[in-house]
C-alpha atoms as a PDB file:
ATOM      1  CA  MET A   1     -28.951  25.603  -2.604  1.00  0.00           C
ATOM      2  CA  SER A   2     -28.210  26.931   0.870  1.00  0.00           C
ATOM      3  CA  THR A   3     -26.883  23.495   1.853  1.00  0.00           C
ATOM      4  CA  ASN A   4     -24.418  23.541  -1.041  1.00  0.00           C
ATOM      5  CA  LYS A   5     -23.274  27.034  -0.095  1.00  0.00           C
ATOM      6  CA  SER A   6     -22.733  26.018   3.528  1.00  0.00           C
ATOM      7  CA  THR A   7     -20.749  22.945   2.407  1.00  0.00           C
ATOM      8  CA  ILE A   8     -18.550  25.093   0.180  1.00  0.00           C
ATOM      9  CA  THR A   9     -18.094  27.568   3.032  1.00  0.00           C
ATOM     10  CA  ARG A  10     -17.008  24.812   5.441  1.00  0.00           C
ATOM     11  CA  ALA A  11     -14.529  23.470   2.889  1.00  0.00           C
ATOM     12  CA  ALA A  12     -13.134  26.959   2.338  1.00  0.00           C
ATOM     13  CA  ASP A  13     -12.801  27.421   6.097  1.00  0.00           C
ATOM     14  CA  ARG A  14     -10.759  24.215   6.335  1.00  0.00           C
ATOM     15  CA  VAL A  15      -8.458  25.389   3.552  1.00  0.00           C
ATOM     16  CA  ASP A  16      -7.998  28.693   5.384  1.00  0.00           C
ATOM     17  CA  ALA A  17      -7.252  26.802   8.596  1.00  0.00           C
ATOM     18  CA  ILE A  18      -4.331  25.018   6.976  1.00  0.00           C
ATOM     19  CA  ALA A  19      -2.850  28.301   5.820  1.00  0.00           C
ATOM     20  CA  GLN A  20      -3.251  30.087   9.167  1.00  0.00           C
ATOM     21  CA  GLU A  21      -0.191  30.815  11.286  1.00  0.00           C
ATOM     22  CA  PRO A  22       0.883  29.814  13.780  1.00  0.00           C
ATOM     23  CA  PHE A  23      -0.180  26.234  14.329  1.00  0.00           C
ATOM     24  CA  HIS A  24       0.102  24.924  17.848  1.00  0.00           C
ATOM     25  CA  GLN A  25       3.371  23.144  18.466  1.00  0.00           C
ATOM     26  CA  SER A  26       2.820  19.583  19.646  1.00  0.00           C
ATOM     27  CA  GLY A  27       6.010  17.649  19.976  1.00  0.00           C
ATOM     28  CA  THR A  28       9.193  19.311  18.761  1.00  0.00           C
ATOM     29  CA  GLN A  29      10.065  22.254  20.971  1.00  0.00           C
ATOM     30  CA  PRO A  30      11.694  25.467  19.736  1.00  0.00           C
ATOM     31  CA  GLY A  31      15.411  24.972  19.351  1.00  0.00           C
ATOM     32  CA  THR A  32      15.023  21.250  18.739  1.00  0.00           C
ATOM     33  CA  SER A  33      16.229  19.980  15.396  1.00  0.00           C
ATOM     34  CA  ARG A  34      13.730  18.464  13.011  1.00  0.00           C
ATOM     35  CA  ALA A  35      15.712  15.232  12.906  1.00  0.00           C
ATOM     36  CA  SER A  36      15.601  14.897  16.692  1.00  0.00           C
ATOM     37  CA  GLY A  37      11.872  15.686  16.556  1.00  0.00           C
ATOM     38  CA  PHE A  38      11.395  12.726  14.242  1.00  0.00           C
ATOM     39  CA  VAL A  39      13.417  10.483  16.553  1.00  0.00           C
ATOM     40  CA  SER A  40      11.470  11.686  19.600  1.00  0.00           C
ATOM     41  CA  SER A  41       8.237  10.742  17.841  1.00  0.00           C
ATOM     42  CA  LEU A  42       9.577   7.242  17.212  1.00  0.00           C
ATOM     43  CA  LEU A  43      10.554   6.934  20.867  1.00  0.00           C
ATOM     44  CA  ASP A  44       7.141   8.229  21.929  1.00  0.00           C
ATOM     45  CA  ILE A  45       5.406   5.584  19.833  1.00  0.00           C
ATOM     46  CA  PHE A  46       7.738   2.940  21.282  1.00  0.00           C
ATOM     47  CA  ARG A  47       6.804   4.021  24.808  1.00  0.00           C
ATOM     48  CA  HIS A  48       3.153   3.563  23.844  1.00  0.00           C
ATOM     49  CA  ARG A  49       3.733   0.181  22.184  1.00  0.00           C
ATOM     50  CA  GLU A  50       1.172  -1.539  24.431  1.00  0.00           C
ATOM     51  CA  LEU A  51      -1.431   0.949  23.270  1.00  0.00           C
ATOM     52  CA  LEU A  52      -0.320   0.324  19.692  1.00  0.00           C
ATOM     53  CA  LYS A  53      -0.998  -3.394  20.142  1.00  0.00           C
ATOM     54  CA  LEU A  54      -4.429  -2.630  21.587  1.00  0.00           C
ATOM     55  CA  LEU A  55      -5.271  -0.376  18.640  1.00  0.00           C
ATOM     56  CA  VAL A  56      -4.241  -3.069  16.157  1.00  0.00           C
ATOM     57  CA  ASN A  57      -6.325  -5.691  17.973  1.00  0.00           C
ATOM     58  CA  ARG A  58      -9.278  -3.324  18.177  1.00  0.00           C
ATOM     59  CA  GLU A  59      -9.058  -2.596  14.456  1.00  0.00           C
ATOM     60  CA  LEU A  60      -9.079  -6.292  13.592  1.00  0.00           C
ATOM     61  CA  LYS A  61     -11.898  -7.160  15.989  1.00  0.00           C
ATOM     62  CA  ALA A  62     -14.048  -4.195  14.932  1.00  0.00           C
ATOM     63  CA  ARG A  63     -13.647  -5.068  11.261  1.00  0.00           C
ATOM     64  CA  TYR A  64     -15.060  -8.567  11.719  1.00  0.00           C
ATOM     65  CA  LYS A  65     -17.382  -7.919  14.656  1.00  0.00           C
ATOM     66  CA  ASP A  66     -20.619  -9.957  14.549  1.00  0.00           C
ATOM     67  CA  SER A  67     -19.386 -11.690  11.387  1.00  0.00           C
ATOM     68  CA  SER A  68     -20.014 -15.425  11.136  1.00  0.00           C
ATOM     69  CA  LEU A  69     -16.931 -16.040   9.000  1.00  0.00           C
ATOM     70  CA  GLY A  70     -14.663 -13.617  10.869  1.00  0.00           C
ATOM     71  CA  PHE A  71     -11.103 -13.524   9.553  1.00  0.00           C
ATOM     72  CA  VAL A  72     -12.056 -15.773   6.641  1.00  0.00           C
ATOM     73  CA  TRP A  73     -13.196 -12.560   4.924  1.00  0.00           C
ATOM     74  CA  THR A  74      -9.514 -11.629   4.746  1.00  0.00           C
ATOM     75  CA  LEU A  75      -9.206 -14.309   2.078  1.00  0.00           C
ATOM     76  CA  ILE A  76     -12.589 -14.092   0.370  1.00  0.00           C
ATOM     77  CA  ARG A  77     -12.153 -10.652  -1.220  1.00  0.00           C
ATOM     78  CA  PRO A  78      -8.705 -11.229  -2.802  1.00  0.00           C
ATOM     79  CA  LEU A  79      -9.742 -14.714  -3.951  1.00  0.00           C
ATOM     80  CA  VAL A  80     -12.869 -13.303  -5.610  1.00  0.00           C
ATOM     81  CA  MET A  81     -10.741 -10.610  -7.263  1.00  0.00           C
ATOM     82  CA  LEU A  82      -8.313 -13.304  -8.401  1.00  0.00           C
ATOM     83  CA  MET A  83     -11.138 -15.319  -9.937  1.00  0.00           C
ATOM     84  CA  ILE A  84     -12.531 -12.283 -11.763  1.00  0.00           C
ATOM     85  CA  TYR A  85      -9.160 -11.245 -13.185  1.00  0.00           C
ATOM     86  CA  TYR A  86      -8.270 -14.821 -14.064  1.00  0.00           C
ATOM     87  CA  VAL A  87     -11.515 -15.368 -15.992  1.00  0.00           C
ATOM     88  CA  ALA A  88     -11.985 -11.882 -17.492  1.00  0.00           C
ATOM     89  CA  ILE A  89      -8.383 -11.013 -18.319  1.00  0.00           C
ATOM     90  CA  GLY A  90      -6.654 -14.368 -18.291  1.00  0.00           C
ATOM     91  CA  GLN A  91      -9.207 -16.382 -20.253  1.00  0.00           C
ATOM     92  CA  PHE A  92     -11.536 -13.987 -22.096  1.00  0.00           C
ATOM     93  CA  LEU A  93      -8.774 -11.553 -23.133  1.00  0.00           C
ATOM     94  CA  GLY A  94      -6.192 -14.306 -23.515  1.00  0.00           C
ATOM     95  CA  ALA A  95      -3.558 -13.005 -21.094  1.00  0.00           C
ATOM     96  CA  ALA A  96      -3.103 -16.466 -19.583  1.00  0.00           C
ATOM     97  CA  ARG A  97      -1.845 -17.769 -22.943  1.00  0.00           C
ATOM     98  CA  GLY A  98       1.195 -15.488 -22.704  1.00  0.00           C
ATOM     99  CA  ILE A  99       1.740 -15.598 -18.936  1.00  0.00           C
ATOM    100  CA  PRO A 100       2.570 -19.000 -17.395  1.00  0.00           C
ATOM    101  CA  VAL A 101       0.771 -19.963 -14.166  1.00  0.00           C
ATOM    102  CA  PHE A 102      -1.367 -16.848 -14.580  1.00  0.00           C
ATOM    103  CA  ALA A 103      -3.263 -17.352 -11.303  1.00  0.00           C
ATOM    104  CA  ILE A 104      -0.075 -17.150  -9.204  1.00  0.00           C
ATOM    105  CA  PHE A 105       1.186 -14.207 -11.270  1.00  0.00           C
ATOM    106  CA  VAL A 106      -1.980 -12.212 -10.536  1.00  0.00           C
ATOM    107  CA  PHE A 107      -2.189 -13.260  -6.888  1.00  0.00           C
ATOM    108  CA  CYS A 108       1.411 -12.091  -6.316  1.00  0.00           C
ATOM    109  CA  GLY A 109       0.495  -8.590  -7.404  1.00  0.00           C
ATOM    110  CA  LEU A 110      -2.853  -8.582  -5.587  1.00  0.00           C
ATOM    111  CA  THR A 111      -1.322  -9.710  -2.288  1.00  0.00           C
ATOM    112  CA  LEU A 112       1.248  -6.923  -2.188  1.00  0.00           C
ATOM    113  CA  TRP A 113      -1.118  -4.306  -3.606  1.00  0.00           C
ATOM    114  CA  ASN A 114      -3.805  -5.147  -1.021  1.00  0.00           C
ATOM    115  CA  LEU A 115      -1.253  -4.502   1.727  1.00  0.00           C
ATOM    116  CA  PHE A 116      -0.335  -1.112   0.271  1.00  0.00           C
ATOM    117  CA  SER A 117      -3.900  -0.005  -0.491  1.00  0.00           C
ATOM    118  CA  GLU A 118      -5.168  -1.047   2.942  1.00  0.00           C
ATOM    119  CA  ILE A 119      -2.436   0.932   4.707  1.00  0.00           C
ATOM    120  CA  VAL A 120      -3.136   4.038   2.623  1.00  0.00           C
ATOM    121  CA  ALA A 121      -6.946   3.841   2.660  1.00  0.00           C
ATOM    122  CA  THR A 122      -7.411   3.046   6.358  1.00  0.00           C
ATOM    123  CA  GLY A 123      -4.499   5.274   7.338  1.00  0.00           C
ATOM    124  CA  THR A 124      -6.126   8.247   5.607  1.00  0.00           C
ATOM    125  CA  THR A 125      -9.242   7.983   7.805  1.00  0.00           C
ATOM    126  CA  SER A 126      -7.433   6.871  10.978  1.00  0.00           C
ATOM    127  CA  ILE A 127      -7.418  10.272  12.719  1.00  0.00           C
ATOM    128  CA  LEU A 128     -11.113  10.931  12.105  1.00  0.00           C
ATOM    129  CA  ALA A 129     -11.975   7.365  13.095  1.00  0.00           C
ATOM    130  CA  ASN A 130     -10.328   7.937  16.496  1.00  0.00           C
ATOM    131  CA  ALA A 131     -11.705  11.422  17.115  1.00  0.00           C
ATOM    132  CA  GLY A 132     -13.038  10.469  20.555  1.00  0.00           C
ATOM    133  CA  LEU A 133      -9.632   9.385  21.850  1.00  0.00           C
ATOM    134  CA  ILE A 134      -7.851  12.377  20.354  1.00  0.00           C
ATOM    135  CA  LYS A 135     -10.201  14.814  22.094  1.00  0.00           C
ATOM    136  CA  LYS A 136      -9.973  13.186  25.510  1.00  0.00           C
ATOM    137  CA  VAL A 137      -6.543  11.601  25.969  1.00  0.00           C
ATOM    138  CA  TYR A 138      -2.978  12.677  25.255  1.00  0.00           C
ATOM    139  CA  LEU A 139      -1.058  10.232  23.134  1.00  0.00           C
ATOM    140  CA  PRO A 140       1.145  10.521  20.050  1.00  0.00           C
ATOM    141  CA  ARG A 141      -1.335  10.988  17.211  1.00  0.00           C
ATOM    142  CA  GLU A 142       1.024   9.282  14.754  1.00  0.00           C
ATOM    143  CA  ILE A 143       0.145   6.049  16.504  1.00  0.00           C
ATOM    144  CA  PHE A 144      -3.205   5.870  14.682  1.00  0.00           C
ATOM    145  CA  PRO A 145      -1.900   5.685  11.097  1.00  0.00           C
ATOM    146  CA  VAL A 146       0.921   3.435  12.325  1.00  0.00           C
ATOM    147  CA  ALA A 147      -1.648   1.067  13.860  1.00  0.00           C
ATOM    148  CA  THR A 148      -3.261   0.584  10.456  1.00  0.00           C
ATOM    149  CA  ILE A 149       0.015  -0.965   9.292  1.00  0.00           C
ATOM    150  CA  GLY A 150      -0.235  -3.626  11.992  1.00  0.00           C
ATOM    151  CA  ALA A 151      -3.774  -4.582  10.969  1.00  0.00           C
ATOM    152  CA  ALA A 152      -2.840  -4.586   7.283  1.00  0.00           C
ATOM    153  CA  LEU A 153       0.201  -6.788   7.961  1.00  0.00           C
ATOM    154  CA  PHE A 154      -2.010  -9.372   9.659  1.00  0.00           C
ATOM    155  CA  ASN A 155      -4.252  -9.578   6.598  1.00  0.00           C
ATOM    156  CA  PHE A 156      -1.178  -9.690   4.376  1.00  0.00           C
ATOM    157  CA  ALA A 157       0.289 -12.582   6.367  1.00  0.00           C
ATOM    158  CA  VAL A 158      -2.851 -14.673   5.844  1.00  0.00           C
ATOM    159  CA  GLN A 159      -2.938 -13.964   2.103  1.00  0.00           C
ATOM    160  CA  PHE A 160       0.817 -14.497   1.788  1.00  0.00           C
ATOM    161  CA  LEU A 161       0.532 -17.934   3.378  1.00  0.00           C
ATOM    162  CA  VAL A 162      -2.153 -18.917   0.862  1.00  0.00           C
ATOM    163  CA  LEU A 163       0.009 -17.533  -1.963  1.00  0.00           C
ATOM    164  CA  ILE A 164       3.044 -19.587  -0.906  1.00  0.00           C
ATOM    165  CA  ILE A 165       0.979 -22.772  -0.583  1.00  0.00           C
ATOM    166  CA  GLY A 166      -0.663 -22.178  -3.966  1.00  0.00           C
ATOM    167  CA  ALA A 167       2.632 -21.365  -5.682  1.00  0.00           C
ATOM    168  CA  ALA A 168       4.254 -24.498  -4.276  1.00  0.00           C
ATOM    169  CA  ALA A 169       1.278 -26.665  -5.267  1.00  0.00           C
ATOM    170  CA  LEU A 170       1.292 -25.354  -8.854  1.00  0.00           C
ATOM    171  CA  GLY A 171       5.058 -25.620  -9.211  1.00  0.00           C
ATOM    172  CA  ALA A 172       5.571 -21.857  -9.486  1.00  0.00           C
ATOM    173  CA  LEU A 173       7.682 -21.514  -6.325  1.00  0.00           C
ATOM    174  CA  GLU A 174      11.387 -22.135  -6.790  1.00  0.00           C
ATOM    175  CA  ILE A 175      13.909 -22.259  -3.960  1.00  0.00           C
ATOM    176  CA  SER A 176      16.646 -19.877  -5.068  1.00  0.00           C
ATOM    177  CA  TRP A 177      18.372 -16.643  -4.100  1.00  0.00           C
ATOM    178  CA  GLN A 178      15.568 -14.737  -5.834  1.00  0.00           C
ATOM    179  CA  LEU A 179      13.319 -15.444  -2.833  1.00  0.00           C
ATOM    180  CA  LEU A 180      15.312 -12.700  -1.088  1.00  0.00           C
ATOM    181  CA  PHE A 181      13.482 -10.128  -3.223  1.00  0.00           C
ATOM    182  CA  ILE A 182      10.500 -10.613  -0.901  1.00  0.00           C
ATOM    183  CA  PHE A 183      12.164  -8.461   1.759  1.00  0.00           C
ATOM    184  CA  PRO A 184      12.974  -5.303  -0.254  1.00  0.00           C
ATOM    185  CA  ALA A 185       9.570  -5.570  -1.957  1.00  0.00           C
ATOM    186  CA  LEU A 186       7.863  -5.608   1.431  1.00  0.00           C
ATOM    187  CA  ALA A 187      10.103  -2.825   2.781  1.00  0.00           C
ATOM    188  CA  VAL A 188       9.309  -0.512  -0.147  1.00  0.00           C
ATOM    189  CA  THR A 189       5.585  -1.206   0.219  1.00  0.00           C
ATOM    190  CA  LEU A 190       5.589  -0.438   3.937  1.00  0.00           C
ATOM    191  CA  VAL A 191       7.689   2.712   3.763  1.00  0.00           C
ATOM    192  CA  TYR A 192       5.596   4.306   1.006  1.00  0.00           C
ATOM    193  CA  GLY A 193       2.377   3.179   2.649  1.00  0.00           C
ATOM    194  CA  LEU A 194       3.465   4.809   5.919  1.00  0.00           C
ATOM    195  CA  ALA A 195       4.534   8.026   4.184  1.00  0.00           C
ATOM    196  CA  LEU A 196       1.174   8.402   2.455  1.00  0.00           C
ATOM    197  CA  ALA A 197      -0.816   7.369   5.538  1.00  0.00           C
ATOM    198  CA  LEU A 198       0.882  10.004   7.713  1.00  0.00           C
ATOM    199  CA  ALA A 199       0.442  12.898   5.294  1.00  0.00           C
ATOM    200  CA  LEU A 200      -3.053  12.009   4.086  1.00  0.00           C
ATOM    201  CA  SER A 201      -4.437  11.300   7.565  1.00  0.00           C
ATOM    202  CA  ALA A 202      -3.455  14.827   8.638  1.00  0.00           C
ATOM    203  CA  LEU A 203      -4.749  16.514   5.478  1.00  0.00           C
ATOM    204  CA  ASN A 204      -8.020  14.576   5.653  1.00  0.00           C
ATOM    205  CA  VAL A 205      -8.860  16.243   8.960  1.00  0.00           C
ATOM    206  CA  TYR A 206      -9.047  19.606   7.198  1.00  0.00           C
ATOM    207  CA  LEU A 207     -10.153  18.524   3.718  1.00  0.00           C
ATOM    208  CA  ARG A 208     -12.578  15.601   3.993  1.00  0.00           C
ATOM    209  CA  ASP A 209     -12.569  15.064   0.227  1.00  0.00           C
ATOM    210  CA  ILE A 210      -9.055  13.628   0.562  1.00  0.00           C
ATOM    211  CA  GLN A 211     -10.367  10.187   1.507  1.00  0.00           C
ATOM    212  CA  PHE A 212     -12.462  10.028  -1.674  1.00  0.00           C
ATOM    213  CA  LEU A 213      -9.570  11.236  -3.812  1.00  0.00           C
ATOM    214  CA  VAL A 214      -7.461   8.471  -2.284  1.00  0.00           C
ATOM    215  CA  GLU A 215      -9.962   5.850  -3.472  1.00  0.00           C
ATOM    216  CA  VAL A 216      -9.747   7.198  -7.019  1.00  0.00           C
ATOM    217  CA  GLY A 217      -5.963   7.470  -6.861  1.00  0.00           C
ATOM    218  CA  LEU A 218      -5.570   3.884  -5.668  1.00  0.00           C
ATOM    219  CA  LEU A 219      -7.769   2.669  -8.511  1.00  0.00           C
ATOM    220  CA  ILE A 220      -5.665   4.554 -11.067  1.00  0.00           C
ATOM    221  CA  PHE A 221      -2.354   3.303  -9.680  1.00  0.00           C
ATOM    222  CA  PHE A 222      -3.676  -0.250  -9.518  1.00  0.00           C
ATOM    223  CA  TRP A 223      -3.895  -0.250 -13.303  1.00  0.00           C
ATOM    224  CA  LEU A 224      -0.569   1.581 -13.590  1.00  0.00           C
ATOM    225  CA  SER A 225       1.126  -1.309 -11.782  1.00  0.00           C
ATOM    226  CA  PRO A 226       1.997  -4.685 -13.380  1.00  0.00           C
ATOM    227  CA  ILE A 227      -0.632  -6.716 -11.533  1.00  0.00           C
ATOM    228  CA  THR A 228      -2.974  -8.012 -14.228  1.00  0.00           C
ATOM    229  CA  TYR A 229      -0.493  -7.651 -17.088  1.00  0.00           C
ATOM    230  CA  ALA A 230       3.156  -8.667 -17.339  1.00  0.00           C
ATOM    231  CA  TRP A 231       6.175  -6.372 -17.341  1.00  0.00           C
ATOM    232  CA  SER A 232       7.065  -7.799 -20.759  1.00  0.00           C
ATOM    233  CA  PHE A 233       3.874  -6.209 -22.118  1.00  0.00           C
ATOM    234  CA  VAL A 234       5.101  -2.786 -20.966  1.00  0.00           C
ATOM    235  CA  VAL A 235       8.549  -3.346 -22.495  1.00  0.00           C
ATOM    236  CA  GLU A 236       7.050  -4.385 -25.833  1.00  0.00           C
ATOM    237  CA  THR A 237       4.404  -1.645 -25.933  1.00  0.00           C
ATOM    238  CA  VAL A 238       5.940   1.630 -24.760  1.00  0.00           C
ATOM    239  CA  PRO A 239       9.151   3.441 -25.803  1.00  0.00           C
ATOM    240  CA  PRO A 240      12.170   3.253 -23.448  1.00  0.00           C
ATOM    241  CA  TRP A 241      11.696   6.786 -22.076  1.00  0.00           C
ATOM    242  CA  LEU A 242       8.092   6.017 -21.095  1.00  0.00           C
ATOM    243  CA  GLU A 243       9.254   2.742 -19.591  1.00  0.00           C
ATOM    244  CA  GLN A 244      11.538   4.716 -17.258  1.00  0.00           C
ATOM    245  CA  ILE A 245       8.634   6.952 -16.247  1.00  0.00           C
ATOM    246  CA  TYR A 246       6.569   3.838 -15.550  1.00  0.00           C
ATOM    247  CA  LEU A 247       9.305   2.610 -13.214  1.00  0.00           C
ATOM    248  CA  LEU A 248       9.019   5.811 -11.151  1.00  0.00           C
ATOM    249  CA  ASN A 249       5.955   4.238  -9.546  1.00  0.00           C
ATOM    250  CA  PRO A 250       7.444   2.669  -6.375  1.00  0.00           C
ATOM    251  CA  MET A 251       4.780  -0.039  -6.315  1.00  0.00           C
ATOM    252  CA  THR A 252       5.827  -1.119  -9.806  1.00  0.00           C
ATOM    253  CA  ASN A 253       9.296  -1.877  -8.454  1.00  0.00           C
ATOM    254  CA  ALA A 254       7.926  -3.608  -5.354  1.00  0.00           C
ATOM    255  CA  ILE A 255       5.480  -5.775  -7.311  1.00  0.00           C
ATOM    256  CA  LEU A 256       8.091  -6.760  -9.903  1.00  0.00           C
ATOM    257  CA  ALA A 257      10.459  -7.814  -7.109  1.00  0.00           C
ATOM    258  CA  PHE A 258       7.683  -9.744  -5.375  1.00  0.00           C
ATOM    259  CA  GLN A 259       6.808 -11.534  -8.615  1.00  0.00           C
ATOM    260  CA  ARG A 260      10.459 -12.332  -9.258  1.00  0.00           C
ATOM    261  CA  ALA A 261      10.697 -13.926  -5.815  1.00  0.00           C
ATOM    262  CA  ILE A 262       7.571 -16.102  -5.895  1.00  0.00           C
ATOM    263  CA  TRP A 263       6.491 -16.469  -9.525  1.00  0.00           C
ATOM    264  CA  GLY A 264       9.237 -18.815 -10.708  1.00  0.00           C
ATOM    265  CA  PRO A 265       8.080 -19.188 -14.352  1.00  0.00           C
ATOM    266  CA  GLY A 266       8.714 -15.473 -14.841  1.00  0.00           C
ATOM    267  CA  SER A 267      12.469 -16.063 -14.687  1.00  0.00           C
ATOM    268  CA  ARG A 268      12.723 -18.939 -17.171  1.00  0.00           C
ATOM    269  CA  GLU A 269      11.261 -20.229 -20.401  1.00  0.00           C
ATOM    270  CA  THR A 270       7.993 -22.072 -19.796  1.00  0.00           C
ATOM    271  CA  MET A 271       5.685 -24.161 -21.957  1.00  0.00           C
ATOM    272  CA  VAL A 272       2.117 -22.782 -21.957  1.00  0.00           C
ATOM    273  CA  GLU A 273      -0.929 -24.561 -23.337  1.00  0.00           C
ATOM    274  CA  GLN A 274      -3.003 -22.553 -25.845  1.00  0.00           C
ATOM    275  CA  THR A 275      -6.768 -22.598 -26.394  1.00  0.00           C
ATOM    276  CA  ASP A 276      -6.422 -24.826 -29.454  1.00  0.00           C
ATOM    277  CA  GLY A 277      -4.625 -27.479 -27.423  1.00  0.00           C
ATOM    278  CA  THR A 278      -1.160 -26.720 -28.746  1.00  0.00           C
ATOM    279  CA  VAL A 279       1.760 -25.841 -26.494  1.00  0.00           C
ATOM    280  CA  ARG A 280       4.230 -23.022 -27.068  1.00  0.00           C
ATOM    281  CA  ALA A 281       7.287 -21.759 -25.242  1.00  0.00           C
ATOM    282  CA  VAL A 282       6.978 -18.456 -23.382  1.00  0.00           C
ATOM    283  CA  ALA A 283      10.222 -16.662 -22.550  1.00  0.00           C
ATOM    284  CA  GLY A 284      10.950 -15.416 -19.053  1.00  0.00           C
ATOM    285  CA  GLN A 285      10.307 -11.822 -18.045  1.00  0.00           C
ATOM    286  CA  PRO A 286      12.895  -9.201 -19.065  1.00  0.00           C
ATOM    287  CA  TRP A 287      13.264  -7.948 -15.498  1.00  0.00           C
ATOM    288  CA  PRO A 288      14.505  -4.343 -15.159  1.00  0.00           C
ATOM    289  CA  ALA A 289      18.290  -4.035 -15.038  1.00  0.00           C
ATOM    290  CA  ASP A 290      19.940  -3.624 -11.615  1.00  0.00           C
ATOM    291  CA  MET A 291      16.688  -4.394  -9.809  1.00  0.00           C
ATOM    292  CA  ALA A 292      18.342  -4.737  -6.388  1.00  0.00           C
ATOM    293  CA  LEU A 293      20.070  -1.349  -6.685  1.00  0.00           C
ATOM    294  CA  HIS A 294      16.890   0.251  -7.994  1.00  0.00           C
ATOM    295  CA  LEU A 295      14.905  -1.111  -5.040  1.00  0.00           C
ATOM    296  CA  PHE A 296      17.501   0.236  -2.610  1.00  0.00           C
ATOM    297  CA  LEU A 297      17.319   3.722  -4.136  1.00  0.00           C
ATOM    298  CA  VAL A 298      13.517   3.635  -4.159  1.00  0.00           C
ATOM    299  CA  PHE A 299      13.589   2.619  -0.488  1.00  0.00           C
ATOM    300  CA  LEU A 300      15.905   5.520   0.408  1.00  0.00           C
ATOM    301  CA  VAL A 301      13.575   7.971  -1.344  1.00  0.00           C
ATOM    302  CA  GLY A 302      10.714   6.422   0.616  1.00  0.00           C
ATOM    303  CA  LEU A 303      12.504   7.080   3.907  1.00  0.00           C
ATOM    304  CA  VAL A 304      12.895  10.735   2.938  1.00  0.00           C
ATOM    305  CA  LEU A 305       9.177  10.873   2.130  1.00  0.00           C
ATOM    306  CA  VAL A 306       8.360   9.400   5.551  1.00  0.00           C
ATOM    307  CA  TRP A 307      10.348  12.219   7.167  1.00  0.00           C
ATOM    308  CA  VAL A 308       8.589  14.839   5.002  1.00  0.00           C
ATOM    309  CA  SER A 309       5.186  13.312   5.761  1.00  0.00           C
ATOM    310  CA  HIS A 310       5.988  13.350   9.457  1.00  0.00           C
ATOM    311  CA  ARG A 311       6.809  17.056   9.227  1.00  0.00           C
ATOM    312  CA  ILE A 312       3.458  17.672   7.519  1.00  0.00           C
ATOM    313  CA  PHE A 313       1.701  15.651  10.204  1.00  0.00           C
ATOM    314  CA  ARG A 314       3.360  17.528  13.072  1.00  0.00           C
ATOM    315  CA  ARG A 315       2.655  20.836  11.368  1.00  0.00           C
ATOM    316  CA  LEU A 316      -1.072  20.111  11.180  1.00  0.00           C
ATOM    317  CA  GLU A 317      -1.788  18.041  14.287  1.00  0.00           C
ATOM    318  CA  GLY A 318      -2.008  21.016  16.643  1.00  0.00           C
ATOM    319  CA  ASN A 319      -5.548  21.855  15.504  1.00  0.00           C
ATOM    320  CA  PHE A 320      -6.849  18.296  15.152  1.00  0.00           C
ATOM    321  CA  ALA A 321      -9.050  18.483  18.247  1.00  0.00           C
ATOM    322  CA  GLN A 322     -10.745  21.681  17.050  1.00  0.00           C
ATOM    323  CA  GLU A 323     -11.317  20.407  13.513  1.00  0.00           C
ATOM    324  CA  ILE A 324     -12.773  17.017  14.392  1.00  0.00           C
END
């Protein structure tokens, strides 16, 4: 009982610490604009780019240290997830009968989602994971959540290569202008991942439950994104006003754009074999209207959120050393 009380007391103390004034200034000096403070942080990280590379390499090596398979594990987890979703949802629940080349469809969503979830999850714990460095050496603390992006991008690159090879082998990859959607999809994923990583990594120093809430939140938003089910299912199932709310999820927009770029059958009518041996035509996906414009607006909002998250980070970082 006393242990529970002490835990509650420590949590309450952390909440009080966030509310206390003033926090130590660490970066932007009085009289300096907030915009210039953001730019100075970017320049500071650029000056420490060699350290950033070392942190990314350390993260990758530490993750697979003493592992016989090493970086092969980067592929094993998403491939196992793909197999589970393909069998459980595609075959048992029959989703594959209405979604052509279902394996590539699912792997498109998984590849982009794994990038986003890895940035957010590892970014949230990045400050605590580097407590020793933060206590002993001066360096821009933003570099730790930023470094998680580098490690996540490496894993993404490996999975993306497998996705492209698989899509080409199964005839799902089509060379057209729609391949350009890869870039805004990736940009939206990175900008929102960075925004969340910055804010959550700072908050997690004071409220350690944040990292567990992030795990739950990522699970919820995984199923709120069109990864294991098609966008056409959403259009046919929910009313238009709820459809617009669904599109407020930035990862929904990113995943739809990624699918449009790589999953060719989603943009045309395709013949799909049914369980009884017959073949029926499946129409292409009714992609959201003005997708390119929508992605641009979502990206701009993401940039604003990065700035806000950076302000939160700089507001809280002054007491990091004491809290960790």
